[in-house]
PDB file of N, CA and C in Angstrom:
ATOM      1  N   UNK A   1       0.842  -1.176   0.000  1.00  0.00           N
ATOM      2  CA  UNK A   1       0.000   0.000   0.000  1.00  0.00           C
ATOM      3  C   UNK A   1       0.888   1.240   0.000  1.00  0.00           C
ATOM      4  N   UNK A   2       0.403   2.278  -0.677  1.00  0.00           N
ATOM      5  CA  UNK A   2       1.145   3.534  -0.731  1.00  0.00           C
ATOM      6  C   UNK A   2       0.400   4.617   0.019  1.00  0.00           C
ATOM      7  N   UNK A   3       1.148   5.562   0.548  1.00  0.00           N
ATOM      8  CA  UNK A   3       0.534   6.713   1.198  1.00  0.00           C
ATOM      9  C   UNK A   3      -0.018   7.660   0.143  1.00  0.00           C
ATOM     10  N   UNK A   4      -1.160   8.264   0.444  1.00  0.00           N
ATOM     11  CA  UNK A   4      -1.752   9.278  -0.417  1.00  0.00           C
ATOM     12  C   UNK A   4      -1.800  10.575   0.367  1.00  0.00           C
ATOM     13  N   UNK A   5      -1.185  11.610  -0.175  1.00  0.00           N
ATOM     14  CA  UNK A   5      -1.147  12.903   0.504  1.00  0.00           C
ATOM     15  C   UNK A   5      -1.886  13.919  -0.353  1.00  0.00           C
ATOM     16  N   UNK A   6      -2.973  14.467   0.198  1.00  0.00           N
ATOM     17  CA  UNK A   6      -3.795  15.457  -0.503  1.00  0.00           C
ATOM     18  C   UNK A   6      -3.798  16.715   0.346  1.00  0.00           C
ATOM     19  N   UNK A   7      -3.396  17.838  -0.267  1.00  0.00           N
ATOM     20  CA  UNK A   7      -3.332  19.094   0.487  1.00  0.00           C
ATOM     21  C   UNK A   7      -4.723  19.657   0.760  1.00  0.00           C
ATOM     22  N   UNK A   8      -5.600  19.692  -0.267  1.00  0.00           N
ATOM     23  CA  UNK A   8      -6.967  20.183  -0.052  1.00  0.00           C
ATOM     24  C   UNK A   8      -7.959  19.339  -0.846  1.00  0.00           C
ATOM     25  N   UNK A   9      -9.154  19.188  -0.290  1.00  0.00           N
ATOM     26  CA  UNK A   9     -10.201  18.369  -0.895  1.00  0.00           C
ATOM     27  C   UNK A   9     -11.521  19.121  -0.765  1.00  0.00           C
ATOM     28  N   UNK A  10     -12.258  19.238  -1.890  1.00  0.00           N
ATOM     29  CA  UNK A  10     -13.563  19.884  -1.868  1.00  0.00           C
ATOM     30  C   UNK A  10     -14.532  19.056  -2.701  1.00  0.00           C
ATOM     31  N   UNK A  11     -15.671  18.710  -2.110  1.00  0.00           N
ATOM     32  CA  UNK A  11     -16.743  18.011  -2.815  1.00  0.00           C
ATOM     33  C   UNK A  11     -18.028  18.783  -2.573  1.00  0.00           C
ATOM     34  N   UNK A  12     -18.657  19.233  -3.643  1.00  0.00           N
ATOM     35  CA  UNK A  12     -19.853  20.073  -3.542  1.00  0.00           C
ATOM     36  C   UNK A  12     -21.072  19.294  -3.060  1.00  0.00           C
ATOM     37  N   UNK A  13     -21.240  18.035  -3.487  1.00  0.00           N
ATOM     38  CA  UNK A  13     -22.455  17.297  -3.172  1.00  0.00           C
ATOM     39  C   UNK A  13     -22.187  15.801  -3.102  1.00  0.00           C
ATOM     40  N   UNK A  14     -22.753  15.146  -2.090  1.00  0.00           N
ATOM     41  CA  UNK A  14     -22.752  13.688  -1.985  1.00  0.00           C
ATOM     42  C   UNK A  14     -24.200  13.269  -1.817  1.00  0.00           C
ATOM     43  N   UNK A  15     -24.688  12.391  -2.721  1.00  0.00           N
ATOM     44  CA  UNK A  15     -26.114  12.087  -2.747  1.00  0.00           C
ATOM     45  C   UNK A  15     -26.338  10.659  -3.221  1.00  0.00           C
ATOM     46  N   UNK A  16     -27.484  10.081  -2.894  1.00  0.00           N
ATOM     47  CA  UNK A  16     -27.966   8.797  -3.419  1.00  0.00           C
ATOM     48  C   UNK A  16     -26.914   7.699  -3.375  1.00  0.00           C
ATOM     49  N   UNK A  17     -26.472   7.367  -2.230  1.00  0.00           N
ATOM     50  CA  UNK A  17     -25.520   6.296  -1.949  1.00  0.00           C
ATOM     51  C   UNK A  17     -24.132   6.557  -2.504  1.00  0.00           C
ATOM     52  N   UNK A  18     -23.817   7.792  -2.835  1.00  0.00           N
ATOM     53  CA  UNK A  18     -22.445   8.143  -3.166  1.00  0.00           C
ATOM     54  C   UNK A  18     -21.601   8.107  -1.898  1.00  0.00           C
ATOM     55  N   UNK A  19     -20.307   7.830  -2.052  1.00  0.00           N
ATOM     56  CA  UNK A  19     -19.447   7.651  -0.886  1.00  0.00           C
ATOM     57  C   UNK A  19     -18.108   8.350  -1.093  1.00  0.00           C
ATOM     58  N   UNK A  20     -17.626   8.964  -0.035  1.00  0.00           N
ATOM     59  CA  UNK A  20     -16.260   9.483  -0.006  1.00  0.00           C
ATOM     60  C   UNK A  20     -15.499   8.655   1.014  1.00  0.00           C
ATOM     61  N   UNK A  21     -14.396   8.063   0.570  1.00  0.00           N
ATOM     62  CA  UNK A  21     -13.585   7.256   1.465  1.00  0.00           C
ATOM     63  C   UNK A  21     -12.162   7.794   1.471  1.00  0.00           C
ATOM     64  N   UNK A  22     -11.621   7.984   2.654  1.00  0.00           N
ATOM     65  CA  UNK A  22     -10.245   8.433   2.809  1.00  0.00           C
ATOM     66  C   UNK A  22      -9.513   7.363   3.605  1.00  0.00           C
ATOM     67  N   UNK A  23      -8.442   6.846   3.030  1.00  0.00           N
ATOM     68  CA  UNK A  23      -7.665   5.805   3.695  1.00  0.00           C
ATOM     69  C   UNK A  23      -7.718   4.511   2.900  1.00  0.00           C
ATOM     70  N   UNK A  24      -6.914   3.566   3.313  1.00  0.00           N
ATOM     71  CA  UNK A  24      -6.838   2.286   2.614  1.00  0.00           C
ATOM     72  C   UNK A  24      -8.027   1.406   2.956  1.00  0.00           C
ATOM     73  N   UNK A  25      -8.455   0.610   1.967  1.00  0.00           N
ATOM     74  CA  UNK A  25      -9.598  -0.294   2.138  1.00  0.00           C
ATOM     75  C   UNK A  25      -9.249  -1.654   1.565  1.00  0.00           C
ATOM     76  N   UNK A  26      -9.851  -2.675   2.118  1.00  0.00           N
ATOM     77  CA  UNK A  26      -9.701  -4.013   1.548  1.00  0.00           C
ATOM     78  C   UNK A  26     -10.578  -4.119   0.305  1.00  0.00           C
ATOM     79  N   UNK A  27     -11.829  -3.646   0.396  1.00  0.00           N
ATOM     80  CA  UNK A  27     -12.735  -3.736  -0.747  1.00  0.00           C
ATOM     81  C   UNK A  27     -13.658  -2.541  -0.831  1.00  0.00           C
ATOM     82  N   UNK A  28     -14.048  -2.218  -2.052  1.00  0.00           N
ATOM     83  CA  UNK A  28     -14.995  -1.136  -2.311  1.00  0.00           C
ATOM     84  C   UNK A  28     -16.114  -1.736  -3.158  1.00  0.00           C
ATOM     85  N   UNK A  29     -17.349  -1.792  -2.605  1.00  0.00           N
ATOM     86  CA  UNK A  29     -18.464  -2.448  -3.281  1.00  0.00           C
ATOM     87  C   UNK A  29     -19.732  -1.585  -3.228  1.00  0.00           C
ATOM     88  N   UNK A  30     -19.768  -0.477  -3.940  1.00  0.00           N
ATOM     89  CA  UNK A  30     -20.978   0.351  -3.923  1.00  0.00           C
ATOM     90  C   UNK A  30     -22.115  -0.317  -4.699  1.00  0.00           C
ATOM     91  N   UNK A  31     -23.357  -0.112  -4.221  1.00  0.00           N
ATOM     92  CA  UNK A  31     -24.531  -0.741  -4.833  1.00  0.00           C
ATOM     93  C   UNK A  31     -25.726   0.184  -4.650  1.00  0.00           C
ATOM     94  N   UNK A  32     -26.487   0.412  -5.717  1.00  0.00           N
ATOM     95  CA  UNK A  32     -27.710   1.215  -5.580  1.00  0.00           C
ATOM     96  C   UNK A  32     -28.748   0.767  -6.600  1.00  0.00           C
ATOM     97  N   UNK A  33     -30.013   0.874  -6.200  1.00  0.00           N
ATOM     98  CA  UNK A  33     -31.150   0.635  -7.084  1.00  0.00           C
ATOM     99  C   UNK A  33     -32.043   1.863  -6.992  1.00  0.00           C
ATOM    100  N   UNK A  34     -32.408   2.431  -8.144  1.00  0.00           N
ATOM    101  CA  UNK A  34     -33.225   3.649  -8.143  1.00  0.00           C
ATOM    102  C   UNK A  34     -34.322   3.538  -9.194  1.00  0.00           C
ATOM    103  N   UNK A  35     -35.424   4.212  -8.935  1.00  0.00           N
ATOM    104  CA  UNK A  35     -36.522   4.334  -9.888  1.00  0.00           C
ATOM    105  C   UNK A  35     -36.745   5.815 -10.138  1.00  0.00           C
ATOM    106  N   UNK A  36     -36.884   6.163 -11.406  1.00  0.00           N
ATOM    107  CA  UNK A  36     -37.095   7.565 -11.767  1.00  0.00           C
ATOM    108  C   UNK A  36     -38.306   7.665 -12.679  1.00  0.00           C
ATOM    109  N   UNK A  37     -39.110   8.704 -12.471  1.00  0.00           N
ATOM    110  CA  UNK A  37     -40.288   8.946 -13.302  1.00  0.00           C
ATOM    111  C   UNK A  37     -40.190  10.372 -13.818  1.00  0.00           C
ATOM    112  N   UNK A  38     -40.289  10.502 -15.137  1.00  0.00           N
ATOM    113  CA  UNK A  38     -40.299  11.822 -15.768  1.00  0.00           C
ATOM    114  C   UNK A  38     -41.682  12.033 -16.359  1.00  0.00           C
ATOM    115  N   UNK A  39     -42.329  13.151 -15.985  1.00  0.00           N
ATOM    116  CA  UNK A  39     -43.691  13.410 -16.442  1.00  0.00           C
ATOM    117  C   UNK A  39     -43.733  14.711 -17.226  1.00  0.00           C
ATOM    118  N   UNK A  40     -44.616  14.738 -18.226  1.00  0.00           N
ATOM    119  CA  UNK A  40     -44.808  15.954 -19.005  1.00  0.00           C
ATOM    120  C   UNK A  40     -45.680  16.950 -18.257  1.00  0.00           C
ATOM    121  N   UNK A  41     -46.640  16.458 -17.476  1.00  0.00           N
ATOM    122  CA  UNK A  41     -47.497  17.313 -16.651  1.00  0.00           C
ATOM    123  C   UNK A  41     -47.348  16.896 -15.193  1.00  0.00           C
ATOM    124  N   UNK A  42     -47.415  17.852 -14.273  1.00  0.00           N
ATOM    125  CA  UNK A  42     -47.278  17.513 -12.852  1.00  0.00           C
ATOM    126  C   UNK A  42     -48.570  16.995 -12.238  1.00  0.00           C
ATOM    127  N   UNK A  43     -49.134  15.942 -12.817  1.00  0.00           N
ATOM    128  CA  UNK A  43     -50.330  15.303 -12.284  1.00  0.00           C
ATOM    129  C   UNK A  43     -49.877  13.975 -11.694  1.00  0.00           C
ATOM    130  N   UNK A  44     -50.089  13.786 -10.406  1.00  0.00           N
ATOM    131  CA  UNK A  44     -49.569  12.605  -9.737  1.00  0.00           C
ATOM    132  C   UNK A  44     -50.704  11.665  -9.358  1.00  0.00           C
ATOM    133  N   UNK A  45     -50.793  10.586 -10.100  1.00  0.00           N
ATOM    134  CA  UNK A  45     -51.726   9.509  -9.788  1.00  0.00           C
ATOM    135  C   UNK A  45     -50.938   8.210  -9.836  1.00  0.00           C
ATOM    136  N   UNK A  46     -51.571   7.100  -9.574  1.00  0.00           N
ATOM    137  CA  UNK A  46     -50.855   5.831  -9.495  1.00  0.00           C
ATOM    138  C   UNK A  46     -50.591   5.203 -10.863  1.00  0.00           C
ATOM    139  N   UNK A  47     -50.500   5.984 -11.900  1.00  0.00           N
ATOM    140  CA  UNK A  47     -50.327   5.437 -13.240  1.00  0.00           C
ATOM    141  C   UNK A  47     -48.957   4.822 -13.494  1.00  0.00           C
ATOM    142  N   UNK A  48     -47.980   5.150 -12.706  1.00  0.00           N
ATOM    143  CA  UNK A  48     -46.636   4.611 -12.935  1.00  0.00           C
ATOM    144  C   UNK A  48     -46.231   3.581 -11.893  1.00  0.00           C
ATOM    145  N   UNK A  49     -47.077   3.261 -10.964  1.00  0.00           N
ATOM    146  CA  UNK A  49     -46.761   2.259  -9.950  1.00  0.00           C
ATOM    147  C   UNK A  49     -47.232   0.904 -10.454  1.00  0.00           C
ATOM    148  N   UNK A  50     -46.313  -0.011 -10.618  1.00  0.00           N
ATOM    149  CA  UNK A  50     -46.656  -1.357 -11.092  1.00  0.00           C
ATOM    150  C   UNK A  50     -45.936  -2.382 -10.230  1.00  0.00           C
ATOM    151  N   UNK A  51     -46.463  -3.573 -10.224  1.00  0.00           N
ATOM    152  CA  UNK A  51     -45.837  -4.667  -9.488  1.00  0.00           C
ATOM    153  C   UNK A  51     -45.065  -5.604 -10.413  1.00  0.00           C
ATOM    154  N   UNK A  52     -45.048  -5.303 -11.712  1.00  0.00           N
ATOM    155  CA  UNK A  52     -44.387  -6.193 -12.667  1.00  0.00           C
ATOM    156  C   UNK A  52     -42.982  -5.713 -13.004  1.00  0.00           C
ATOM    157  N   UNK A  53     -42.292  -5.199 -12.040  1.00  0.00           N
ATOM    158  CA  UNK A  53     -40.932  -4.701 -12.260  1.00  0.00           C
ATOM    159  C   UNK A  53     -39.955  -5.876 -12.261  1.00  0.00           C
ATOM    160  N   UNK A  54     -40.034  -6.714 -13.281  1.00  0.00           N
ATOM    161  CA  UNK A  54     -39.156  -7.880 -13.341  1.00  0.00           C
ATOM    162  C   UNK A  54     -37.701  -7.486 -13.550  1.00  0.00           C
ATOM    163  N   UNK A  55     -37.476  -6.324 -14.152  1.00  0.00           N
ATOM    164  CA  UNK A  55     -36.109  -5.876 -14.362  1.00  0.00           C
ATOM    165  C   UNK A  55     -35.395  -5.701 -13.026  1.00  0.00           C
ATOM    166  N   UNK A  56     -36.117  -5.227 -12.015  1.00  0.00           N
ATOM    167  CA  UNK A  56     -35.514  -4.988 -10.715  1.00  0.00           C
ATOM    168  C   UNK A  56     -35.294  -6.286  -9.929  1.00  0.00           C
ATOM    169  N   UNK A  57     -35.918  -7.376 -10.348  1.00  0.00           N
ATOM    170  CA  UNK A  57     -35.807  -8.623  -9.604  1.00  0.00           C
ATOM    171  C   UNK A  57     -34.906  -9.648 -10.276  1.00  0.00           C
ATOM    172  N   UNK A  58     -34.461  -9.374 -11.500  1.00  0.00           N
ATOM    173  CA  UNK A  58     -33.593 -10.311 -12.205  1.00  0.00           C
ATOM    174  C   UNK A  58     -32.212 -10.344 -11.560  1.00  0.00           C
ATOM    175  N   UNK A  59     -31.554 -11.495 -11.612  1.00  0.00           N
ATOM    176  CA  UNK A  59     -30.189 -11.541 -11.080  1.00  0.00           C
ATOM    177  C   UNK A  59     -29.261 -10.686 -11.940  1.00  0.00           C
ATOM    178  N   UNK A  60     -28.279 -10.097 -11.298  1.00  0.00           N
ATOM    179  CA  UNK A  60     -27.355  -9.225 -12.009  1.00  0.00           C
ATOM    180  C   UNK A  60     -26.359 -10.036 -12.828  1.00  0.00           C
ATOM    181  N   UNK A  61     -26.080  -9.600 -14.044  1.00  0.00           N
ATOM    182  CA  UNK A  61     -25.067 -10.306 -14.839  1.00  0.00           C
ATOM    183  C   UNK A  61     -23.674 -10.012 -14.292  1.00  0.00           C
ATOM    184  N   UNK A  62     -22.786 -10.963 -14.449  1.00  0.00           N
ATOM    185  CA  UNK A  62     -21.408 -10.771 -14.033  1.00  0.00           C
ATOM    186  C   UNK A  62     -20.558 -10.646 -15.290  1.00  0.00           C
ATOM    187  N   UNK A  63     -20.163  -9.423 -15.608  1.00  0.00           N
ATOM    188  CA  UNK A  63     -19.408  -9.172 -16.827  1.00  0.00           C
ATOM    189  C   UNK A  63     -17.906  -9.369 -16.646  1.00  0.00           C
ATOM    190  N   UNK A  64     -17.474  -9.518 -15.416  1.00  0.00           N
ATOM    191  CA  UNK A  64     -16.049  -9.643 -15.160  1.00  0.00           C
ATOM    192  C   UNK A  64     -15.629 -11.103 -15.152  1.00  0.00           C
ATOM    193  N   UNK A  65     -14.611 -11.403 -15.935  1.00  0.00           N
ATOM    194  CA  UNK A  65     -14.053 -12.751 -15.925  1.00  0.00           C
ATOM    195  C   UNK A  65     -12.995 -12.818 -14.832  1.00  0.00           C
ATOM    196  N   UNK A  66     -12.953 -13.912 -14.093  1.00  0.00           N
ATOM    197  CA  UNK A  66     -11.918 -14.024 -13.060  1.00  0.00           C
ATOM    198  C   UNK A  66     -10.533 -14.043 -13.697  1.00  0.00           C
ATOM    199  N   UNK A  67      -9.623 -13.275 -13.142  1.00  0.00           N
ATOM    200  CA  UNK A  67      -8.250 -13.239 -13.637  1.00  0.00           C
ATOM    201  C   UNK A  67      -7.293 -13.383 -12.472  1.00  0.00           C
ATOM    202  N   UNK A  68      -6.172 -13.957 -12.751  1.00  0.00           N
ATOM    203  CA  UNK A  68      -5.102 -14.049 -11.766  1.00  0.00           C
ATOM    204  C   UNK A  68      -4.059 -13.007 -12.142  1.00  0.00           C
ATOM    205  N   UNK A  69      -4.045 -11.926 -11.417  1.00  0.00           N
ATOM    206  CA  UNK A  69      -3.133 -10.833 -11.704  1.00  0.00           C
ATOM    207  C   UNK A  69      -2.171 -10.674 -10.538  1.00  0.00           C
ATOM    208  N   UNK A  70      -0.918 -10.621 -10.854  1.00  0.00           N
ATOM    209  CA  UNK A  70       0.105 -10.404  -9.845  1.00  0.00           C
ATOM    210  C   UNK A  70       0.659  -8.999 -10.028  1.00  0.00           C
ATOM    211  N   UNK A  71       0.647  -8.228  -8.972  1.00  0.00           N
ATOM    212  CA  UNK A  71       1.134  -6.857  -9.017  1.00  0.00           C
ATOM    213  C   UNK A  71       2.327  -6.739  -8.089  1.00  0.00           C
ATOM    214  N   UNK A  72       3.406  -6.183  -8.601  1.00  0.00           N
ATOM    215  CA  UNK A  72       4.561  -5.896  -7.747  1.00  0.00           C
ATOM    216  C   UNK A  72       5.000  -4.459  -8.020  1.00  0.00           C
ATOM    217  N   UNK A  73       5.270  -3.728  -6.968  1.00  0.00           N
ATOM    218  CA  UNK A  73       5.665  -2.329  -7.083  1.00  0.00           C
ATOM    219  C   UNK A  73       7.086  -2.155  -6.568  1.00  0.00           C
ATOM    220  N   UNK A  74       7.824  -1.351  -7.294  1.00  0.00           N
ATOM    221  CA  UNK A  74       9.186  -1.060  -6.887  1.00  0.00           C
ATOM    222  C   UNK A  74       9.248   0.307  -6.216  1.00  0.00           C
ATOM    223  N   UNK A  75       8.582   1.296  -6.830  1.00  0.00           N
ATOM    224  CA  UNK A  75       8.609   2.667  -6.315  1.00  0.00           C
ATOM    225  C   UNK A  75       7.552   2.813  -5.230  1.00  0.00           C
ATOM    226  N   UNK A  76       7.981   3.011  -4.002  1.00  0.00           N
ATOM    227  CA  UNK A  76       7.047   3.135  -2.884  1.00  0.00           C
ATOM    228  C   UNK A  76       6.867   4.591  -2.453  1.00  0.00           C
ATOM    229  N   UNK A  77       7.129   5.535  -3.336  1.00  0.00           N
ATOM    230  CA  UNK A  77       6.950   6.946  -3.018  1.00  0.00           C
ATOM    231  C   UNK A  77       5.472   7.243  -2.829  1.00  0.00           C
ATOM    232  N   UNK A  78       5.122   8.140  -1.920  1.00  0.00           N
ATOM    233  CA  UNK A  78       3.699   8.459  -1.722  1.00  0.00           C
ATOM    234  C   UNK A  78       3.124   9.208  -2.923  1.00  0.00           C
ATOM    235  N   UNK A  79       1.827   9.049  -3.103  1.00  0.00           N
ATOM    236  CA  UNK A  79       1.108   9.782  -4.140  1.00  0.00           C
ATOM    237  C   UNK A  79       0.786  11.157  -3.555  1.00  0.00           C
ATOM    238  N   UNK A  80       1.210  12.215  -4.243  1.00  0.00           N
ATOM    239  CA  UNK A  80       1.002  13.572  -3.736  1.00  0.00           C
ATOM    240  C   UNK A  80       0.124  14.343  -4.708  1.00  0.00           C
ATOM    241  N   UNK A  81      -0.940  14.923  -4.172  1.00  0.00           N
ATOM    242  CA  UNK A  81      -1.887  15.705  -4.968  1.00  0.00           C
ATOM    243  C   UNK A  81      -2.074  17.048  -4.270  1.00  0.00           C
ATOM    244  N   UNK A  82      -2.032  18.142  -5.051  1.00  0.00           N
ATOM    245  CA  UNK A  82      -2.197  19.464  -4.455  1.00  0.00           C
ATOM    246  C   UNK A  82      -3.644  19.692  -4.017  1.00  0.00           C
ATOM    247  N   UNK A  83      -4.610  19.444  -4.924  1.00  0.00           N
ATOM    248  CA  UNK A  83      -6.014  19.643  -4.547  1.00  0.00           C
ATOM    249  C   UNK A  83      -6.918  18.763  -5.397  1.00  0.00           C
ATOM    250  N   UNK A  84      -8.056  18.410  -4.815  1.00  0.00           N
ATOM    251  CA  UNK A  84      -9.117  17.673  -5.502  1.00  0.00           C
ATOM    252  C   UNK A  84     -10.379  18.510  -5.371  1.00  0.00           C
ATOM    253  N   UNK A  85     -11.016  18.804  -6.502  1.00  0.00           N
ATOM    254  CA  UNK A  85     -12.242  19.599  -6.529  1.00  0.00           C
ATOM    255  C   UNK A  85     -13.284  18.815  -7.320  1.00  0.00           C
ATOM    256  N   UNK A  86     -14.327  18.342  -6.642  1.00  0.00           N
ATOM    257  CA  UNK A  86     -15.337  17.480  -7.254  1.00  0.00           C
ATOM    258  C   UNK A  86     -16.691  18.168  -7.189  1.00  0.00           C
ATOM    259  N   UNK A  87     -17.430  18.126  -8.295  1.00  0.00           N
ATOM    260  CA  UNK A  87     -18.771  18.715  -8.323  1.00  0.00           C
ATOM    261  C   UNK A  87     -19.763  17.861  -7.549  1.00  0.00           C
ATOM    262  N   UNK A  88     -19.752  16.539  -7.750  1.00  0.00           N
ATOM    263  CA  UNK A  88     -20.702  15.696  -7.042  1.00  0.00           C
ATOM    264  C   UNK A  88     -20.347  14.226  -7.107  1.00  0.00           C
ATOM    265  N   UNK A  89     -20.738  13.496  -6.079  1.00  0.00           N
ATOM    266  CA  UNK A  89     -20.590  12.045  -6.000  1.00  0.00           C
ATOM    267  C   UNK A  89     -21.987  11.500  -5.753  1.00  0.00           C
ATOM    268  N   UNK A  90     -22.474  10.634  -6.643  1.00  0.00           N
ATOM    269  CA  UNK A  90     -23.851  10.164  -6.524  1.00  0.00           C
ATOM    270  C   UNK A  90     -24.023   8.781  -7.139  1.00  0.00           C
ATOM    271  N   UNK A  91     -25.151   8.164  -6.887  1.00  0.00           N
ATOM    272  CA  UNK A  91     -25.587   6.934  -7.552  1.00  0.00           C
ATOM    273  C   UNK A  91     -24.596   5.798  -7.552  1.00  0.00           C
ATOM    274  N   UNK A  92     -24.212   5.317  -6.418  1.00  0.00           N
ATOM    275  CA  UNK A  92     -23.334   4.170  -6.273  1.00  0.00           C
ATOM    276  C   UNK A  92     -21.901   4.470  -6.702  1.00  0.00           C
ATOM    277  N   UNK A  93     -21.521   5.728  -6.762  1.00  0.00           N
ATOM    278  CA  UNK A  93     -20.140   6.056  -7.115  1.00  0.00           C
ATOM    279  C   UNK A  93     -19.326   6.289  -5.844  1.00  0.00           C
ATOM    280  N   UNK A  94     -18.020   6.124  -5.987  1.00  0.00           N
ATOM    281  CA  UNK A  94     -17.119   6.247  -4.848  1.00  0.00           C
ATOM    282  C   UNK A  94     -15.968   7.160  -5.236  1.00  0.00           C
ATOM    283  N   UNK A  95     -15.676   8.116  -4.394  1.00  0.00           N
ATOM    284  CA  UNK A  95     -14.446   8.882  -4.513  1.00  0.00           C
ATOM    285  C   UNK A  95     -13.542   8.364  -3.405  1.00  0.00           C
ATOM    286  N   UNK A  96     -12.502   7.667  -3.787  1.00  0.00           N
ATOM    287  CA  UNK A  96     -11.656   6.960  -2.822  1.00  0.00           C
ATOM    288  C   UNK A  96     -10.245   7.520  -2.891  1.00  0.00           C
ATOM    289  N   UNK A  97      -9.753   7.985  -1.772  1.00  0.00           N
ATOM    290  CA  UNK A  97      -8.378   8.457  -1.673  1.00  0.00           C
ATOM    291  C   UNK A  97      -7.634   7.421  -0.858  1.00  0.00           C
ATOM    292  N   UNK A  98      -6.779   6.667  -1.511  1.00  0.00           N
ATOM    293  CA  UNK A  98      -6.057   5.600  -0.838  1.00  0.00           C
ATOM    294  C   UNK A  98      -5.988   4.384  -1.740  1.00  0.00           C
ATOM    295  N   UNK A  99      -5.622   3.264  -1.163  1.00  0.00           N
ATOM    296  CA  UNK A  99      -5.484   2.011  -1.913  1.00  0.00           C
ATOM    297  C   UNK A  99      -6.603   1.061  -1.536  1.00  0.00           C
ATOM    298  N   UNK A 100      -6.994   0.211  -2.498  1.00  0.00           N
ATOM    299  CA  UNK A 100      -7.926  -0.875  -2.196  1.00  0.00           C
ATOM    300  C   UNK A 100      -7.569  -2.072  -3.039  1.00  0.00           C
ATOM    301  N   UNK A 101      -7.910  -3.259  -2.538  1.00  0.00           N
ATOM    302  CA  UNK A 101      -7.537  -4.488  -3.225  1.00  0.00           C
ATOM    303  C   UNK A 101      -8.605  -4.978  -4.187  1.00  0.00           C
ATOM    304  N   UNK A 102      -9.881  -4.877  -3.820  1.00  0.00           N
ATOM    305  CA  UNK A 102     -10.970  -5.396  -4.646  1.00  0.00           C
ATOM    306  C   UNK A 102     -12.042  -4.330  -4.778  1.00  0.00           C
ATOM    307  N   UNK A 103     -12.765  -4.374  -5.884  1.00  0.00           N
ATOM    308  CA  UNK A 103     -13.870  -3.435  -6.043  1.00  0.00           C
ATOM    309  C   UNK A 103     -14.842  -3.889  -7.115  1.00  0.00           C
ATOM    310  N   UNK A 104     -16.119  -3.578  -6.911  1.00  0.00           N
ATOM    311  CA  UNK A 104     -17.162  -3.878  -7.877  1.00  0.00           C
ATOM    312  C   UNK A 104     -18.315  -2.914  -7.620  1.00  0.00           C
ATOM    313  N   UNK A 105     -18.647  -2.112  -8.623  1.00  0.00           N
ATOM    314  CA  UNK A 105     -19.710  -1.119  -8.482  1.00  0.00           C
ATOM    315  C   UNK A 105     -20.918  -1.545  -9.301  1.00  0.00           C
ATOM    316  N   UNK A 106     -22.112  -1.467  -8.689  1.00  0.00           N
ATOM    317  CA  UNK A 106     -23.355  -1.829  -9.359  1.00  0.00           C
ATOM    318  C   UNK A 106     -24.366  -0.717  -9.132  1.00  0.00           C
ATOM    319  N   UNK A 107     -24.982  -0.269 -10.226  1.00  0.00           N
ATOM    320  CA  UNK A 107     -26.035   0.735 -10.138  1.00  0.00           C
ATOM    321  C   UNK A 107     -27.131   0.361 -11.123  1.00  0.00           C
ATOM    322  N   UNK A 108     -28.356   0.222 -10.633  1.00  0.00           N
ATOM    323  CA  UNK A 108     -29.500  -0.133 -11.473  1.00  0.00           C
ATOM    324  C   UNK A 108     -30.483   1.029 -11.434  1.00  0.00           C
ATOM    325  N   UNK A 109     -30.875   1.508 -12.602  1.00  0.00           N
ATOM    326  CA  UNK A 109     -31.828   2.613 -12.682  1.00  0.00           C
ATOM    327  C   UNK A 109     -32.968   2.208 -13.607  1.00  0.00           C
ATOM    328  N   UNK A 110     -34.165   2.242 -13.096  1.00  0.00           N
ATOM    329  CA  UNK A 110     -35.380   1.991 -13.880  1.00  0.00           C
ATOM    330  C   UNK A 110     -36.005   3.351 -14.139  1.00  0.00           C
ATOM    331  N   UNK A 111     -35.948   3.794 -15.401  1.00  0.00           N
ATOM    332  CA  UNK A 111     -36.434   5.121 -15.761  1.00  0.00           C
ATOM    333  C   UNK A 111     -37.696   4.985 -16.605  1.00  0.00           C
ATOM    334  N   UNK A 112     -38.743   5.676 -16.211  1.00  0.00           N
ATOM    335  CA  UNK A 112     -40.021   5.629 -16.925  1.00  0.00           C
ATOM    336  C   UNK A 112     -40.432   7.054 -17.291  1.00  0.00           C
ATOM    337  N   UNK A 113     -40.832   7.237 -18.549  1.00  0.00           N
ATOM    338  CA  UNK A 113     -41.306   8.535 -19.014  1.00  0.00           C
ATOM    339  C   UNK A 113     -42.800   8.445 -19.304  1.00  0.00           C
ATOM    340  N   UNK A 114     -43.535   9.401 -18.790  1.00  0.00           N
ATOM    341  CA  UNK A 114     -44.972   9.453 -19.013  1.00  0.00           C
ATOM    342  C   UNK A 114     -45.267  10.742 -19.762  1.00  0.00           C
ATOM    343  N   UNK A 115     -45.654  10.604 -21.025  1.00  0.00           N
ATOM    344  CA  UNK A 115     -45.894  11.760 -21.893  1.00  0.00           C
ATOM    345  C   UNK A 115     -47.359  11.829 -22.283  1.00  0.00           C
ATOM    346  N   UNK A 116     -47.814  13.026 -22.628  1.00  0.00           N
ATOM    347  CA  UNK A 116     -49.197  13.218 -23.070  1.00  0.00           C
ATOM    348  C   UNK A 116     -49.352  12.651 -24.479  1.00  0.00           C
ATOM    349  N   UNK A 117     -50.458  11.943 -24.724  1.00  0.00           N
ATOM    350  CA  UNK A 117     -50.731  11.427 -26.054  1.00  0.00           C
ATOM    351  C   UNK A 117     -50.989  12.567 -27.018  1.00  0.00           C
ATOM    352  N   UNK A 118     -50.489  12.431 -28.233  1.00  0.00           N
ATOM    353  CA  UNK A 118     -50.724  13.458 -29.257  1.00  0.00           C
ATOM    354  C   UNK A 118     -52.182  13.435 -29.680  1.00  0.00           C
ATOM    355  N   UNK A 119     -52.814  14.599 -29.753  1.00  0.00           N
ATOM    356  CA  UNK A 119     -54.222  14.685 -30.133  1.00  0.00           C
ATOM    357  C   UNK A 119     -54.369  15.364 -31.461  1.00  0.00           C
TER     358      UNK A 119
END
């Protein structure tokens, strides 16, 4: 593991399971499930609530193939950064300052648009 030295850090917004981590970690595994509804008119009735959300109940695919990777480092100098300026961390994202051994990020978004029928 290497030391990380940051002189200044600024993050404007952390929202919806976003995470800021400072320091070394064994694993980073962010996960979020969200539903979004976009409407053309601000009329709120139960028209978008359904129980047939099979997309949200399906098992997640695993796109990563297992690999055996060996890493060896010679230069053990610390990582030095003058400043970090971030607008926002959101939706299962991680801003991590430090080292980690394993990581897997999952974010599922079910987006539904409700528009007025053309007349």
